[in-house]
Protein backbone atom coordinates (compact mmCIF):
# COMPACT_ATOMS: atom_id res chain seq x y z
CA MET A 1 -22.60 -29.93 -36.86
CA SER A 2 -20.40 -32.56 -37.10
CA ASP A 3 -19.90 -32.97 -33.41
CA ARG A 4 -23.49 -33.54 -32.89
CA GLY A 5 -24.53 -35.56 -35.82
CA HIS A 6 -26.14 -33.45 -37.56
CA ALA A 7 -25.25 -32.66 -41.49
CA VAL A 8 -24.12 -29.46 -42.47
CA ALA A 9 -26.50 -29.72 -45.08
CA ASP A 10 -29.61 -30.73 -43.25
CA VAL A 11 -28.69 -27.94 -40.92
CA ALA A 12 -28.05 -25.35 -43.26
CA LYS A 13 -31.73 -26.12 -44.75
CA ARG A 14 -33.34 -25.96 -41.10
CA LEU A 15 -31.56 -22.10 -40.80
CA ASP A 16 -32.55 -21.32 -44.53
CA VAL A 17 -28.66 -20.34 -45.06
CA THR A 18 -26.72 -21.60 -48.16
CA THR A 19 -24.32 -24.77 -46.66
CA HIS A 20 -21.30 -22.20 -48.04
CA SER A 21 -22.69 -19.48 -45.67
CA LEU A 22 -22.93 -21.87 -42.82
CA TYR A 23 -19.51 -23.45 -43.58
CA ALA A 24 -17.84 -19.68 -43.72
CA TRP A 25 -19.50 -19.28 -40.47
CA ILE A 26 -18.24 -22.49 -39.07
CA LYS A 27 -15.18 -21.31 -40.39
CA LYS A 28 -15.10 -17.97 -38.47
CA PHE A 29 -16.35 -19.17 -35.09
CA GLY A 30 -15.89 -22.99 -35.28
CA PRO A 31 -14.36 -24.69 -32.29
CA ASP A 32 -11.07 -24.45 -34.31
CA SER A 33 -11.49 -20.87 -35.28
CA ARG A 34 -8.98 -17.97 -34.09
CA GLU A 35 -12.14 -16.11 -32.71
CA HIS A 36 -13.16 -19.10 -30.61
CA ALA A 37 -9.39 -19.18 -29.02
CA GLU A 38 -9.75 -15.71 -28.28
CA LEU A 39 -12.95 -16.47 -26.80
CA SER A 40 -11.77 -19.06 -24.71
CA GLU A 41 -8.94 -17.22 -23.22
CA ALA A 42 -11.44 -14.17 -22.69
CA GLN A 43 -13.70 -16.65 -20.56
CA ALA A 44 -10.55 -17.77 -19.12
CA GLU A 45 -9.34 -14.54 -17.61
CA ILE A 46 -12.96 -13.09 -17.11
CA HIS A 47 -12.97 -16.57 -14.70
CA ARG A 48 -9.56 -15.58 -13.12
CA LEU A 49 -10.91 -12.35 -12.33
CA GLN A 50 -13.79 -13.66 -10.86
CA ASN A 51 -11.64 -15.88 -8.11
CA GLU A 52 -9.40 -12.50 -7.56
CA LEU A 53 -12.79 -10.68 -7.22
CA LYS A 54 -14.01 -13.59 -4.70
CA ARG A 55 -10.69 -13.37 -2.72
CA ALA A 56 -10.34 -9.51 -2.34
CA THR A 57 -14.26 -9.39 -1.43
CA GLU A 58 -13.50 -12.15 1.51
CA ALA A 59 -10.27 -10.28 2.76
CA ARG A 60 -12.43 -6.83 2.81
CA ASP A 61 -14.90 -8.56 4.84
CA ILE A 62 -12.62 -10.51 7.01
CA LEU A 63 -11.01 -6.77 7.73
CA LYS A 64 -13.87 -4.96 8.20
CA LYS A 65 -15.12 -7.92 10.88
CA PHE A 66 -11.66 -7.39 12.88
CA TRP A 67 -11.95 -3.61 12.57
CA LEU A 68 -15.46 -3.38 13.76
CA GLU A 69 -14.54 -5.89 16.42
CA SER A 70 -11.62 -3.57 17.61
CA GLY A 71 -13.96 -0.75 18.51
CA ASP A 72 -12.77 1.02 15.38
CA VAL A 73 -8.95 1.02 16.06
CA TYR A 74 -7.29 -1.57 14.38
CA GLY A 75 -4.17 -0.44 12.47
CA PHE A 76 -2.47 -1.41 9.60
CA ARG A 77 0.49 -3.51 11.09
CA LYS A 78 -1.92 -5.38 13.37
CA ILE A 79 -4.52 -6.21 9.93
CA ASP A 80 -1.24 -7.18 7.68
CA SER A 81 0.04 -9.44 10.70
CA ASP A 82 -3.46 -10.87 10.99
CA LEU A 83 -4.01 -11.50 7.41
CA ARG A 84 -0.47 -12.79 7.22
CA ASP A 85 -1.51 -15.66 9.88
CA MET A 86 -4.59 -16.07 7.55
CA GLY A 87 -2.13 -16.80 4.54
CA LEU A 88 -3.67 -14.23 2.66
CA LEU A 89 -0.17 -12.02 2.28
CA ALA A 90 3.16 -13.14 1.57
CA ALA A 91 5.43 -12.80 4.65
CA SER A 92 8.09 -11.00 2.91
CA THR A 93 6.74 -7.14 3.26
CA ALA A 94 9.19 -4.76 5.47
CA TYR A 95 8.31 -1.77 6.71
CA ILE A 96 10.02 1.45 7.07
CA ALA A 97 9.09 3.32 10.50
């Protein structure tokens, strides 16, 4: 309330609740509350997962394009090599033949 310049008493009156109830809500859900912090952490995790999904989707689309252009014979070693060249995979994987 105070961050937007509205008095708690005025907001409580507009919402037809007691100031005590409004203060309790602010304490529970306000910017300094544990729930707010947990929500912020959850939103950050959602954002991270969305970015990871976007990257995985882009990699899948690239692989699908390579596979289709190869005449459906694009093997895992060539896929791995191309992904490394594009910087989508680390260069430290070793293969056992």
